[in-house]
Amino acid sequence: MGIGRVSRNKRIRAQHELKCYTTLKTKDLASKGMAGVIAFCATALERAITLISEGNIKVENILASTSLCSKLNIKLSKVLNKATGKETSTPYLFSHDLWGKENTGYMKSIKKKGLDFIGTTRLR
């Protein structure tokens, strides 16, 4: 009985999550959250360009390691953490500590442009 209940609960949760994704309120998003979406995309793009331009990732290696049926898997370089003595890829992660300032800057800039700008901006 316990196994069936877990399975049923997982199904209910999955259905709820699917419903959340399929009932996206685009009008609310456009007026309230679209500036954040655009800022996040701009920050992610800046991060990708930075990683490539500084030689931390190579586009050729990424393309060569992926196939049509596999997930994209990017291996980040590792550096020595002087405090722990272990190798880490933390300096290359997409985190608030590393990219929050840039994201906030994009957000402020986009919000200054107003809702008309946000409403006509399309992410393709």
PDB file of N, CA and C in Angstrom:
ATOM      1  N   MET A   1       0.825  -1.192   0.000  1.00  0.00           N
ATOM      2  CA  MET A   1       0.000   0.000   0.000  1.00  0.00           C
ATOM      3  C   MET A   1       0.870   1.258   0.000  1.00  0.00           C
ATOM      4  N   GLY A   2       1.975   1.224   0.728  1.00  0.00           N
ATOM      5  CA  GLY A   2       2.862   2.380   0.791  1.00  0.00           C
ATOM      6  C   GLY A   2       3.465   2.726  -0.555  1.00  0.00           C
ATOM      7  N   ILE A   3       3.826   1.697  -1.333  1.00  0.00           N
ATOM      8  CA  ILE A   3       4.427   1.942  -2.642  1.00  0.00           C
ATOM      9  C   ILE A   3       3.422   2.593  -3.571  1.00  0.00           C
ATOM     10  N   GLY A   4       2.185   2.108  -3.559  1.00  0.00           N
ATOM     11  CA  GLY A   4       1.139   2.689  -4.400  1.00  0.00           C
ATOM     12  C   GLY A   4       0.873   4.136  -4.061  1.00  0.00           C
ATOM     13  N   ARG A   5       0.890   4.440  -2.773  1.00  0.00           N
ATOM     14  CA  ARG A   5       0.641   5.814  -2.334  1.00  0.00           C
ATOM     15  C   ARG A   5       1.754   6.747  -2.811  1.00  0.00           C
ATOM     16  N   VAL A   6       2.981   6.308  -2.717  1.00  0.00           N
ATOM     17  CA  VAL A   6       4.098   7.127  -3.182  1.00  0.00           C
ATOM     18  C   VAL A   6       3.957   7.382  -4.670  1.00  0.00           C
ATOM     19  N   SER A   7       3.652   6.342  -5.412  1.00  0.00           N
ATOM     20  CA  SER A   7       3.500   6.464  -6.853  1.00  0.00           C
ATOM     21  C   SER A   7       2.356   7.426  -7.194  1.00  0.00           C
ATOM     22  N   ARG A   8       1.243   7.299  -6.484  1.00  0.00           N
ATOM     23  CA  ARG A   8       0.097   8.177  -6.728  1.00  0.00           C
ATOM     24  C   ARG A   8       0.462   9.620  -6.390  1.00  0.00           C
ATOM     25  N   ASN A   9       1.147   9.820  -5.278  1.00  0.00           N
ATOM     26  CA  ASN A   9       1.551  11.172  -4.891  1.00  0.00           C
ATOM     27  C   ASN A   9       2.488  11.786  -5.922  1.00  0.00           C
ATOM     28  N   LYS A  10       3.400  10.964  -6.449  1.00  0.00           N
ATOM     29  CA  LYS A  10       4.304  11.470  -7.483  1.00  0.00           C
ATOM     30  C   LYS A  10       3.527  11.870  -8.725  1.00  0.00           C
ATOM     31  N   ARG A  11       2.526  11.046  -9.086  1.00  0.00           N
ATOM     32  CA  ARG A  11       1.709  11.370 -10.269  1.00  0.00           C
ATOM     33  C   ARG A  11       0.947  12.672 -10.053  1.00  0.00           C
ATOM     34  N   ILE A  12       0.371  12.828  -8.876  1.00  0.00           N
ATOM     35  CA  ILE A  12      -0.388  14.051  -8.576  1.00  0.00           C
ATOM     36  C   ILE A  12       0.531  15.267  -8.636  1.00  0.00           C
ATOM     37  N   ARG A  13       1.705  15.141  -8.064  1.00  0.00           N
ATOM     38  CA  ARG A  13       2.659  16.254  -8.084  1.00  0.00           C
ATOM     39  C   ARG A  13       3.086  16.586  -9.512  1.00  0.00           C
ATOM     40  N   ALA A  14       3.360  15.556 -10.307  1.00  0.00           N
ATOM     41  CA  ALA A  14       3.756  15.778 -11.700  1.00  0.00           C
ATOM     42  C   ALA A  14       2.636  16.455 -12.479  1.00  0.00           C
ATOM     43  N   GLN A  15       1.400  16.034 -12.244  1.00  0.00           N
ATOM     44  CA  GLN A  15       0.264  16.666 -12.923  1.00  0.00           C
ATOM     45  C   GLN A  15       0.133  18.124 -12.506  1.00  0.00           C
ATOM     46  N   HIS A  16       0.336  18.403 -11.216  1.00  0.00           N
ATOM     47  CA  HIS A  16       0.265  19.772 -10.723  1.00  0.00           C
ATOM     48  C   HIS A  16       1.354  20.633 -11.356  1.00  0.00           C
ATOM     49  N   GLU A  17       2.585  20.087 -11.416  1.00  0.00           N
ATOM     50  CA  GLU A  17       3.690  20.836 -12.014  1.00  0.00           C
ATOM     51  C   GLU A  17       3.430  21.102 -13.488  1.00  0.00           C
ATOM     52  N   LEU A  18       2.888  20.097 -14.192  1.00  0.00           N
ATOM     53  CA  LEU A  18       2.566  20.282 -15.601  1.00  0.00           C
ATOM     54  C   LEU A  18       1.515  21.362 -15.762  1.00  0.00           C
ATOM     55  N   LYS A  19       0.506  21.352 -14.892  1.00  0.00           N
ATOM     56  CA  LYS A  19      -0.541  22.365 -14.953  1.00  0.00           C
ATOM     57  C   LYS A  19       0.048  23.752 -14.728  1.00  0.00           C
ATOM     58  N   CYS A  20       0.983  23.859 -13.798  1.00  0.00           N
ATOM     59  CA  CYS A  20       1.630  25.150 -13.545  1.00  0.00           C
ATOM     60  C   CYS A  20       2.355  25.655 -14.784  1.00  0.00           C
ATOM     61  N   TYR A  21       2.997  24.754 -15.509  1.00  0.00           N
ATOM     62  CA  TYR A  21       3.724  25.155 -16.707  1.00  0.00           C
ATOM     63  C   TYR A  21       2.782  25.504 -17.847  1.00  0.00           C
ATOM     64  N   THR A  22       1.684  24.807 -17.949  1.00  0.00           N
ATOM     65  CA  THR A  22       0.790  25.018 -19.084  1.00  0.00           C
ATOM     66  C   THR A  22      -0.192  26.153 -18.858  1.00  0.00           C
ATOM     67  N   THR A  23      -0.307  26.655 -17.636  1.00  0.00           N
ATOM     68  CA  THR A  23      -1.225  27.752 -17.372  1.00  0.00           C
ATOM     69  C   THR A  23      -0.451  29.029 -17.054  1.00  0.00           C
ATOM     70  N   LEU A  24       0.566  29.291 -17.810  1.00  0.00           N
ATOM     71  CA  LEU A  24       1.373  30.489 -17.632  1.00  0.00           C
ATOM     72  C   LEU A  24       0.530  31.712 -17.967  1.00  0.00           C
ATOM     73  N   LYS A  25       0.480  32.638 -17.054  1.00  0.00           N
ATOM     74  CA  LYS A  25      -0.305  33.856 -17.245  1.00  0.00           C
ATOM     75  C   LYS A  25       0.571  34.890 -17.931  1.00  0.00           C
ATOM     76  N   THR A  26       0.543  34.884 -19.254  1.00  0.00           N
ATOM     77  CA  THR A  26       1.462  35.726 -20.014  1.00  0.00           C
ATOM     78  C   THR A  26       1.204  37.215 -19.823  1.00  0.00           C
ATOM     79  N   LYS A  27      -0.044  37.608 -19.590  1.00  0.00           N
ATOM     80  CA  LYS A  27      -0.315  39.029 -19.359  1.00  0.00           C
ATOM     81  C   LYS A  27       0.320  39.494 -18.051  1.00  0.00           C
ATOM     82  N   ASP A  28       0.225  38.652 -17.015  1.00  0.00           N
ATOM     83  CA  ASP A  28       0.885  38.989 -15.748  1.00  0.00           C
ATOM     84  C   ASP A  28       2.394  39.029 -15.932  1.00  0.00           C
ATOM     85  N   LEU A  29       2.907  38.071 -16.672  1.00  0.00           N
ATOM     86  CA  LEU A  29       4.345  38.013 -16.909  1.00  0.00           C
ATOM     87  C   LEU A  29       4.807  39.257 -17.657  1.00  0.00           C
ATOM     88  N   ALA A  30       4.051  39.661 -18.660  1.00  0.00           N
ATOM     89  CA  ALA A  30       4.433  40.829 -19.458  1.00  0.00           C
ATOM     90  C   ALA A  30       4.455  42.098 -18.621  1.00  0.00           C
ATOM     91  N   SER A  31       3.508  42.230 -17.711  1.00  0.00           N
ATOM     92  CA  SER A  31       3.450  43.472 -16.943  1.00  0.00           C
ATOM     93  C   SER A  31       4.301  43.440 -15.682  1.00  0.00           C
ATOM     94  N   LYS A  32       4.516  42.257 -15.108  1.00  0.00           N
ATOM     95  CA  LYS A  32       5.215  42.185 -13.826  1.00  0.00           C
ATOM     96  C   LYS A  32       6.597  41.563 -13.904  1.00  0.00           C
ATOM     97  N   GLY A  33       6.760  40.492 -14.673  1.00  0.00           N
ATOM     98  CA  GLY A  33       7.994  39.741 -14.595  1.00  0.00           C
ATOM     99  C   GLY A  33       8.837  39.702 -15.840  1.00  0.00           C
ATOM    100  N   MET A  34       8.366  40.287 -16.912  1.00  0.00           N
ATOM    101  CA  MET A  34       9.104  40.180 -18.166  1.00  0.00           C
ATOM    102  C   MET A  34      10.442  40.903 -18.103  1.00  0.00           C
ATOM    103  N   ALA A  35      10.524  41.982 -17.364  1.00  0.00           N
ATOM    104  CA  ALA A  35      11.801  42.690 -17.224  1.00  0.00           C
ATOM    105  C   ALA A  35      12.837  41.755 -16.610  1.00  0.00           C
ATOM    106  N   GLY A  36      12.429  40.960 -15.634  1.00  0.00           N
ATOM    107  CA  GLY A  36      13.327  39.993 -15.015  1.00  0.00           C
ATOM    108  C   GLY A  36      13.759  38.908 -15.978  1.00  0.00           C
ATOM    109  N   VAL A  37      12.821  38.456 -16.805  1.00  0.00           N
ATOM    110  CA  VAL A  37      13.138  37.426 -17.794  1.00  0.00           C
ATOM    111  C   VAL A  37      14.167  37.952 -18.787  1.00  0.00           C
ATOM    112  N   ILE A  38      13.946  39.147 -19.295  1.00  0.00           N
ATOM    113  CA  ILE A  38      14.867  39.740 -20.265  1.00  0.00           C
ATOM    114  C   ILE A  38      16.237  39.978 -19.617  1.00  0.00           C
ATOM    115  N   ALA A  39      16.235  40.495 -18.392  1.00  0.00           N
ATOM    116  CA  ALA A  39      17.497  40.749 -17.686  1.00  0.00           C
ATOM    117  C   ALA A  39      18.257  39.453 -17.454  1.00  0.00           C
ATOM    118  N   PHE A  40      17.545  38.410 -17.059  1.00  0.00           N
ATOM    119  CA  PHE A  40      18.180  37.115 -16.817  1.00  0.00           C
ATOM    120  C   PHE A  40      18.799  36.567 -18.106  1.00  0.00           C
ATOM    121  N   CYS A  41      18.077  36.680 -19.213  1.00  0.00           N
ATOM    122  CA  CYS A  41      18.604  36.216 -20.505  1.00  0.00           C
ATOM    123  C   CYS A  41      19.839  37.009 -20.923  1.00  0.00           C
ATOM    124  N   ALA A  42      19.790  38.322 -20.729  1.00  0.00           N
ATOM    125  CA  ALA A  42      20.938  39.160 -21.078  1.00  0.00           C
ATOM    126  C   ALA A  42      22.153  38.801 -20.230  1.00  0.00           C
ATOM    127  N   THR A  43      21.929  38.550 -18.942  1.00  0.00           N
ATOM    128  CA  THR A  43      23.024  38.178 -18.043  1.00  0.00           C
ATOM    129  C   THR A  43      23.603  36.824 -18.435  1.00  0.00           C
ATOM    130  N   ALA A  44      22.735  35.873 -18.748  1.00  0.00           N
ATOM    131  CA  ALA A  44      23.197  34.540 -19.157  1.00  0.00           C
ATOM    132  C   ALA A  44      24.000  34.626 -20.449  1.00  0.00           C
ATOM    133  N   LEU A  45      23.558  35.466 -21.367  1.00  0.00           N
ATOM    134  CA  LEU A  45      24.289  35.644 -22.625  1.00  0.00           C
ATOM    135  C   LEU A  45      25.653  36.278 -22.365  1.00  0.00           C
ATOM    136  N   GLU A  46      25.692  37.295 -21.506  1.00  0.00           N
ATOM    137  CA  GLU A  46      26.978  37.919 -21.166  1.00  0.00           C
ATOM    138  C   GLU A  46      27.922  36.898 -20.536  1.00  0.00           C
ATOM    139  N   ARG A  47      27.390  36.062 -19.654  1.00  0.00           N
ATOM    140  CA  ARG A  47      28.202  35.035 -19.007  1.00  0.00           C
ATOM    141  C   ARG A  47      28.771  34.065 -20.036  1.00  0.00           C
ATOM    142  N   ALA A  48      27.932  33.618 -20.959  1.00  0.00           N
ATOM    143  CA  ALA A  48      28.392  32.679 -21.990  1.00  0.00           C
ATOM    144  C   ALA A  48      29.495  33.303 -22.839  1.00  0.00           C
ATOM    145  N   ILE A  49      29.300  34.535 -23.241  1.00  0.00           N
ATOM    146  CA  ILE A  49      30.309  35.222 -24.059  1.00  0.00           C
ATOM    147  C   ILE A  49      31.605  35.394 -23.262  1.00  0.00           C
ATOM    148  N   THR A  50      31.488  35.706 -21.975  1.00  0.00           N
ATOM    149  CA  THR A  50      32.670  35.854 -21.121  1.00  0.00           C
ATOM    150  C   THR A  50      33.432  34.536 -21.016  1.00  0.00           C
ATOM    151  N   LEU A  51      32.709  33.436 -20.770  1.00  0.00           N
ATOM    152  CA  LEU A  51      33.370  32.124 -20.670  1.00  0.00           C
ATOM    153  C   LEU A  51      34.098  31.768 -21.958  1.00  0.00           C
ATOM    154  N   ILE A  52      33.474  32.059 -23.091  1.00  0.00           N
ATOM    155  CA  ILE A  52      34.081  31.742 -24.384  1.00  0.00           C
ATOM    156  C   ILE A  52      35.274  32.662 -24.658  1.00  0.00           C
ATOM    157  N   SER A  53      35.093  33.962 -24.453  1.00  0.00           N
ATOM    158  CA  SER A  53      36.160  34.917 -24.786  1.00  0.00           C
ATOM    159  C   SER A  53      37.389  34.761 -23.892  1.00  0.00           C
ATOM    160  N   GLU A  54      37.180  34.317 -22.652  1.00  0.00           N
ATOM    161  CA  GLU A  54      38.314  34.113 -21.746  1.00  0.00           C
ATOM    162  C   GLU A  54      38.930  32.721 -21.896  1.00  0.00           C
ATOM    163  N   GLY A  55      38.369  31.917 -22.793  1.00  0.00           N
ATOM    164  CA  GLY A  55      38.922  30.594 -23.057  1.00  0.00           C
ATOM    165  C   GLY A  55      38.569  29.536 -22.021  1.00  0.00           C
ATOM    166  N   ASN A  56      37.564  29.800 -21.184  1.00  0.00           N
ATOM    167  CA  ASN A  56      37.171  28.838 -20.162  1.00  0.00           C
ATOM    168  C   ASN A  56      36.331  27.692 -20.721  1.00  0.00           C
ATOM    169  N   ILE A  57      35.658  27.937 -21.821  1.00  0.00           N
ATOM    170  CA  ILE A  57      34.977  26.860 -22.550  1.00  0.00           C
ATOM    171  C   ILE A  57      35.258  27.056 -24.036  1.00  0.00           C
ATOM    172  N   LYS A  58      35.250  25.969 -24.750  1.00  0.00           N
ATOM    173  CA  LYS A  58      35.490  26.006 -26.192  1.00  0.00           C
ATOM    174  C   LYS A  58      34.235  25.488 -26.900  1.00  0.00           C
ATOM    175  N   VAL A  59      33.689  26.305 -27.767  1.00  0.00           N
ATOM    176  CA  VAL A  59      32.460  25.954 -28.477  1.00  0.00           C
ATOM    177  C   VAL A  59      32.651  24.677 -29.276  1.00  0.00           C
ATOM    178  N   GLU A  60      33.804  24.522 -29.902  1.00  0.00           N
ATOM    179  CA  GLU A  60      34.066  23.331 -30.717  1.00  0.00           C
ATOM    180  C   GLU A  60      33.958  22.054 -29.882  1.00  0.00           C
ATOM    181  N   ASN A  61      34.490  22.093 -28.662  1.00  0.00           N
ATOM    182  CA  ASN A  61      34.439  20.922 -27.779  1.00  0.00           C
ATOM    183  C   ASN A  61      33.008  20.598 -27.363  1.00  0.00           C
ATOM    184  N   ILE A  62      32.232  21.628 -27.094  1.00  0.00           N
ATOM    185  CA  ILE A  62      30.839  21.419 -26.691  1.00  0.00           C
ATOM    186  C   ILE A  62      30.051  20.816 -27.832  1.00  0.00           C
ATOM    187  N   LEU A  63      30.206  21.369 -29.028  1.00  0.00           N
ATOM    188  CA  LEU A  63      29.484  20.843 -30.187  1.00  0.00           C
ATOM    189  C   LEU A  63      29.909  19.416 -30.512  1.00  0.00           C
ATOM    190  N   ALA A  64      31.178  19.119 -30.361  1.00  0.00           N
ATOM    191  CA  ALA A  64      31.676  17.779 -30.662  1.00  0.00           C
ATOM    192  C   ALA A  64      31.197  16.754 -29.644  1.00  0.00           C
ATOM    193  N   SER A  65      30.930  17.179 -28.423  1.00  0.00           N
ATOM    194  CA  SER A  65      30.545  16.227 -27.379  1.00  0.00           C
ATOM    195  C   SER A  65      29.040  15.993 -27.287  1.00  0.00           C
ATOM    196  N   THR A  66      28.255  16.678 -28.092  1.00  0.00           N
ATOM    197  CA  THR A  66      26.809  16.507 -28.024  1.00  0.00           C
ATOM    198  C   THR A  66      26.297  15.819 -29.275  1.00  0.00           C
ATOM    199  N   SER A  67      25.204  15.121 -29.093  1.00  0.00           N
ATOM    200  CA  SER A  67      24.517  14.529 -30.236  1.00  0.00           C
ATOM    201  C   SER A  67      23.085  15.040 -30.215  1.00  0.00           C
ATOM    202  N   LEU A  68      22.320  14.688 -31.227  1.00  0.00           N
ATOM    203  CA  LEU A  68      20.946  15.170 -31.312  1.00  0.00           C
ATOM    204  C   LEU A  68      20.080  14.653 -30.165  1.00  0.00           C
ATOM    205  N   CYS A  69      20.426  13.506 -29.628  1.00  0.00           N
ATOM    206  CA  CYS A  69      19.586  12.882 -28.601  1.00  0.00           C
ATOM    207  C   CYS A  69      20.104  13.060 -27.181  1.00  0.00           C
ATOM    208  N   SER A  70      21.200  13.753 -26.999  1.00  0.00           N
ATOM    209  CA  SER A  70      21.751  13.861 -25.645  1.00  0.00           C
ATOM    210  C   SER A  70      21.572  15.271 -25.092  1.00  0.00           C
ATOM    211  N   LYS A  71      21.650  15.360 -23.782  1.00  0.00           N
ATOM    212  CA  LYS A  71      21.589  16.660 -23.121  1.00  0.00           C
ATOM    213  C   LYS A  71      22.919  17.375 -23.309  1.00  0.00           C
ATOM    214  N   LEU A  72      22.856  18.678 -23.287  1.00  0.00           N
ATOM    215  CA  LEU A  72      24.068  19.479 -23.363  1.00  0.00           C
ATOM    216  C   LEU A  72      24.806  19.375 -22.032  1.00  0.00           C
ATOM    217  N   ASN A  73      26.049  18.992 -22.086  1.00  0.00           N
ATOM    218  CA  ASN A  73      26.837  18.828 -20.875  1.00  0.00           C
ATOM    219  C   ASN A  73      28.135  19.609 -21.045  1.00  0.00           C
ATOM    220  N   ILE A  74      28.245  20.690 -20.289  1.00  0.00           N
ATOM    221  CA  ILE A  74      29.412  21.559 -20.390  1.00  0.00           C
ATOM    222  C   ILE A  74      30.311  21.325 -19.188  1.00  0.00           C
ATOM    223  N   LYS A  75      31.539  20.958 -19.445  1.00  0.00           N
ATOM    224  CA  LYS A  75      32.508  20.768 -18.376  1.00  0.00           C
ATOM    225  C   LYS A  75      33.252  22.087 -18.174  1.00  0.00           C
ATOM    226  N   LEU A  76      33.161  22.607 -16.966  1.00  0.00           N
ATOM    227  CA  LEU A  76      33.839  23.853 -16.650  1.00  0.00           C
ATOM    228  C   LEU A  76      35.246  23.570 -16.134  1.00  0.00           C
ATOM    229  N   SER A  77      36.135  24.502 -16.367  1.00  0.00           N
ATOM    230  CA  SER A  77      37.493  24.385 -15.848  1.00  0.00           C
ATOM    231  C   SER A  77      37.461  24.378 -14.327  1.00  0.00           C
ATOM    232  N   LYS A  78      38.490  23.833 -13.733  1.00  0.00           N
ATOM    233  CA  LYS A  78      38.599  23.824 -12.277  1.00  0.00           C
ATOM    234  C   LYS A  78      39.846  24.585 -11.856  1.00  0.00           C
ATOM    235  N   VAL A  79      39.722  25.259 -10.724  1.00  0.00           N
ATOM    236  CA  VAL A  79      40.842  25.989 -10.140  1.00  0.00           C
ATOM    237  C   VAL A  79      41.000  25.542  -8.698  1.00  0.00           C
ATOM    238  N   LEU A  80      42.164  25.796  -8.144  1.00  0.00           N
ATOM    239  CA  LEU A  80      42.437  25.397  -6.771  1.00  0.00           C
ATOM    240  C   LEU A  80      41.812  26.388  -5.796  1.00  0.00           C
ATOM    241  N   ASN A  81      41.012  25.867  -4.874  1.00  0.00           N
ATOM    242  CA  ASN A  81      40.464  26.670  -3.791  1.00  0.00           C
ATOM    243  C   ASN A  81      41.525  26.705  -2.700  1.00  0.00           C
ATOM    244  N   LYS A  82      42.095  27.869  -2.469  1.00  0.00           N
ATOM    245  CA  LYS A  82      43.199  27.987  -1.518  1.00  0.00           C
ATOM    246  C   LYS A  82      42.776  27.662  -0.085  1.00  0.00           C
ATOM    247  N   ALA A  83      41.511  27.898   0.242  1.00  0.00           N
ATOM    248  CA  ALA A  83      41.042  27.641   1.609  1.00  0.00           C
ATOM    249  C   ALA A  83      40.891  26.148   1.897  1.00  0.00           C
ATOM    250  N   THR A  84      40.399  25.394   0.892  1.00  0.00           N
ATOM    251  CA  THR A  84      40.149  23.969   1.117  1.00  0.00           C
ATOM    252  C   THR A  84      41.236  23.073   0.544  1.00  0.00           C
ATOM    253  N   GLY A  85      42.011  23.598  -0.389  1.00  0.00           N
ATOM    254  CA  GLY A  85      43.025  22.782  -1.044  1.00  0.00           C
ATOM    255  C   GLY A  85      42.460  21.856  -2.105  1.00  0.00           C
ATOM    256  N   LYS A  86      41.172  22.028  -2.437  1.00  0.00           N
ATOM    257  CA  LYS A  86      40.519  21.178  -3.436  1.00  0.00           C
ATOM    258  C   LYS A  86      40.257  21.976  -4.707  1.00  0.00           C
ATOM    259  N   GLU A  87      40.124  21.246  -5.817  1.00  0.00           N
ATOM    260  CA  GLU A  87      39.776  21.895  -7.075  1.00  0.00           C
ATOM    261  C   GLU A  87      38.273  22.147  -7.121  1.00  0.00           C
ATOM    262  N   THR A  88      37.904  23.282  -7.703  1.00  0.00           N
ATOM    263  CA  THR A  88      36.502  23.655  -7.790  1.00  0.00           C
ATOM    264  C   THR A  88      36.234  24.424  -9.078  1.00  0.00           C
ATOM    265  N   SER A  89      35.005  24.361  -9.539  1.00  0.00           N
ATOM    266  CA  SER A  89      34.605  25.148 -10.712  1.00  0.00           C
ATOM    267  C   SER A  89      33.724  26.326 -10.289  1.00  0.00           C
ATOM    268  N   THR A  90      33.663  26.608  -9.009  1.00  0.00           N
ATOM    269  CA  THR A  90      32.814  27.669  -8.462  1.00  0.00           C
ATOM    270  C   THR A  90      33.009  29.027  -9.146  1.00  0.00           C
ATOM    271  N   PRO A  91      34.222  29.441  -9.482  1.00  0.00           N
ATOM    272  CA  PRO A  91      34.364  30.762 -10.122  1.00  0.00           C
ATOM    273  C   PRO A  91      33.682  30.873 -11.483  1.00  0.00           C
ATOM    274  N   TYR A  92      33.295  29.746 -12.060  1.00  0.00           N
ATOM    275  CA  TYR A  92      32.685  29.762 -13.384  1.00  0.00           C
ATOM    276  C   TYR A  92      31.184  29.499 -13.357  1.00  0.00           C
ATOM    277  N   LEU A  93      30.611  29.321 -12.171  1.00  0.00           N
ATOM    278  CA  LEU A  93      29.188  29.027 -12.058  1.00  0.00           C
ATOM    279  C   LEU A  93      28.348  30.273 -12.317  1.00  0.00           C
ATOM    280  N   PHE A  94      27.091  30.041 -12.655  1.00  0.00           N
ATOM    281  CA  PHE A  94      26.146  31.133 -12.872  1.00  0.00           C
ATOM    282  C   PHE A  94      25.402  31.336 -11.559  1.00  0.00           C
ATOM    283  N   SER A  95      25.952  32.173 -10.704  1.00  0.00           N
ATOM    284  CA  SER A  95      25.379  32.363  -9.378  1.00  0.00           C
ATOM    285  C   SER A  95      25.080  33.837  -9.117  1.00  0.00           C
ATOM    286  N   HIS A  96      24.270  34.067  -8.106  1.00  0.00           N
ATOM    287  CA  HIS A  96      23.940  35.444  -7.726  1.00  0.00           C
ATOM    288  C   HIS A  96      25.184  36.192  -7.265  1.00  0.00           C
ATOM    289  N   ASP A  97      26.031  35.510  -6.529  1.00  0.00           N
ATOM    290  CA  ASP A  97      27.257  36.159  -6.048  1.00  0.00           C
ATOM    291  C   ASP A  97      28.130  36.658  -7.188  1.00  0.00           C
ATOM    292  N   LEU A  98      28.206  35.902  -8.261  1.00  0.00           N
ATOM    293  CA  LEU A  98      29.077  36.268  -9.380  1.00  0.00           C
ATOM    294  C   LEU A  98      28.393  37.160 -10.417  1.00  0.00           C
ATOM    295  N   TRP A  99      27.082  37.011 -10.594  1.00  0.00           N
ATOM    296  CA  TRP A  99      26.395  37.710 -11.682  1.00  0.00           C
ATOM    297  C   TRP A  99      25.227  38.575 -11.227  1.00  0.00           C
ATOM    298  N   GLY A 100      24.989  38.660  -9.923  1.00  0.00           N
ATOM    299  CA  GLY A 100      23.862  39.442  -9.416  1.00  0.00           C
ATOM    300  C   GLY A 100      23.939  40.918  -9.767  1.00  0.00           C
ATOM    301  N   LYS A 101      25.130  41.490  -9.676  1.00  0.00           N
ATOM    302  CA  LYS A 101      25.310  42.917  -9.975  1.00  0.00           C
ATOM    303  C   LYS A 101      24.970  43.218 -11.438  1.00  0.00           C
ATOM    304  N   GLU A 102      25.455  42.369 -12.338  1.00  0.00           N
ATOM    305  CA  GLU A 102      25.157  42.558 -13.755  1.00  0.00           C
ATOM    306  C   GLU A 102      23.666  42.409 -14.028  1.00  0.00           C
ATOM    307  N   ASN A 103      23.049  41.394 -13.402  1.00  0.00           N
ATOM    308  CA  ASN A 103      21.629  41.161 -13.613  1.00  0.00           C
ATOM    309  C   ASN A 103      20.802  42.341 -13.113  1.00  0.00           C
ATOM    310  N   THR A 104      21.173  42.882 -11.955  1.00  0.00           N
ATOM    311  CA  THR A 104      20.477  44.047 -11.405  1.00  0.00           C
ATOM    312  C   THR A 104      20.624  45.244 -12.339  1.00  0.00           C
ATOM    313  N   GLY A 105      21.809  45.418 -12.904  1.00  0.00           N
ATOM    314  CA  GLY A 105      22.035  46.511 -13.852  1.00  0.00           C
ATOM    315  C   GLY A 105      21.153  46.391 -15.083  1.00  0.00           C
ATOM    316  N   TYR A 106      21.059  45.185 -15.640  1.00  0.00           N
ATOM    317  CA  TYR A 106      20.171  44.971 -16.790  1.00  0.00           C
ATOM    318  C   TYR A 106      18.721  45.240 -16.405  1.00  0.00           C
ATOM    319  N   MET A 107      18.318  44.768 -15.229  1.00  0.00           N
ATOM    320  CA  MET A 107      16.947  44.943 -14.772  1.00  0.00           C
ATOM    321  C   MET A 107      16.596  46.420 -14.651  1.00  0.00           C
ATOM    322  N   LYS A 108      17.468  47.208 -14.037  1.00  0.00           N
ATOM    323  CA  LYS A 108      17.217  48.639 -13.889  1.00  0.00           C
ATOM    324  C   LYS A 108      17.118  49.320 -15.244  1.00  0.00           C
ATOM    325  N   SER A 109      18.011  48.959 -16.143  1.00  0.00           N
ATOM    326  CA  SER A 109      18.011  49.556 -17.480  1.00  0.00           C
ATOM    327  C   SER A 109      16.721  49.235 -18.235  1.00  0.00           C
ATOM    328  N   ILE A 110      16.288  47.993 -18.140  1.00  0.00           N
ATOM    329  CA  ILE A 110      15.063  47.572 -18.841  1.00  0.00           C
ATOM    330  C   ILE A 110      13.844  48.255 -18.237  1.00  0.00           C
ATOM    331  N   LYS A 111      13.785  48.334 -16.923  1.00  0.00           N
ATOM    332  CA  LYS A 111      12.637  48.975 -16.276  1.00  0.00           C
ATOM    333  C   LYS A 111      12.558  50.466 -16.615  1.00  0.00           C
ATOM    334  N   LYS A 112      13.698  51.125 -16.804  1.00  0.00           N
ATOM    335  CA  LYS A 112      13.703  52.542 -17.185  1.00  0.00           C
ATOM    336  C   LYS A 112      13.058  52.748 -18.550  1.00  0.00           C
ATOM    337  N   LYS A 113      13.175  51.744 -19.402  1.00  0.00           N
ATOM    338  CA  LYS A 113      12.606  51.858 -20.747  1.00  0.00           C
ATOM    339  C   LYS A 113      11.082  51.806 -20.739  1.00  0.00           C
ATOM    340  N   GLY A 114      10.490  51.215 -19.701  1.00  0.00           N
ATOM    341  CA  GLY A 114       9.039  51.211 -19.556  1.00  0.00           C
ATOM    342  C   GLY A 114       8.366  49.975 -20.134  1.00  0.00           C
ATOM    343  N   LEU A 115       7.058  49.887 -19.855  1.00  0.00           N
ATOM    344  CA  LEU A 115       6.281  48.716 -20.267  1.00  0.00           C
ATOM    345  C   LEU A 115       6.139  48.592 -21.780  1.00  0.00           C
ATOM    346  N   ASP A 116       6.124  49.720 -22.503  1.00  0.00           N
ATOM    347  CA  ASP A 116       6.021  49.631 -23.962  1.00  0.00           C
ATOM    348  C   ASP A 116       7.214  48.891 -24.545  1.00  0.00           C
ATOM    349  N   PHE A 117       8.407  49.209 -24.061  1.00  0.00           N
ATOM    350  CA  PHE A 117       9.622  48.524 -24.512  1.00  0.00           C
ATOM    351  C   PHE A 117       9.559  47.046 -24.168  1.00  0.00           C
ATOM    352  N   ILE A 118       9.166  46.758 -22.943  1.00  0.00           N
ATOM    353  CA  ILE A 118       9.099  45.364 -22.501  1.00  0.00           C
ATOM    354  C   ILE A 118       8.087  44.589 -23.318  1.00  0.00           C
ATOM    355  N   GLY A 119       6.956  45.197 -23.584  1.00  0.00           N
ATOM    356  CA  GLY A 119       5.895  44.530 -24.360  1.00  0.00           C
ATOM    357  C   GLY A 119       6.273  44.256 -25.794  1.00  0.00           C
ATOM    358  N   THR A 120       7.167  45.064 -26.356  1.00  0.00           N
ATOM    359  CA  THR A 120       7.542  44.858 -27.762  1.00  0.00           C
ATOM    360  C   THR A 120       8.825  44.053 -27.909  1.00  0.00           C
ATOM    361  N   THR A 121       9.509  43.775 -26.807  1.00  0.00           N
ATOM    362  CA  THR A 121      10.731  42.982 -26.859  1.00  0.00           C
ATOM    363  C   THR A 121      10.366  41.513 -26.990  1.00  0.00           C
ATOM    364  N   ARG A 122      10.951  40.851 -27.949  1.00  0.00           N
ATOM    365  CA  ARG A 122      10.667  39.429 -28.157  1.00  0.00           C
ATOM    366  C   ARG A 122      11.965  38.655 -28.062  1.00  0.00           C
ATOM    367  N   LEU A 123      11.909  37.572 -27.324  1.00  0.00           N
ATOM    368  CA  LEU A 123      13.061  36.681 -27.204  1.00  0.00           C
ATOM    369  C   LEU A 123      12.896  35.585 -28.233  1.00  0.00           C
ATOM    370  N   ARG A 124      13.834  35.479 -29.140  1.00  0.00           N
ATOM    371  CA  ARG A 124      13.719  34.447 -30.190  1.00  0.00           C
ATOM    372  C   ARG A 124      14.846  33.499 -30.081  1.00  0.00           C
TER     373      ARG A 124
END
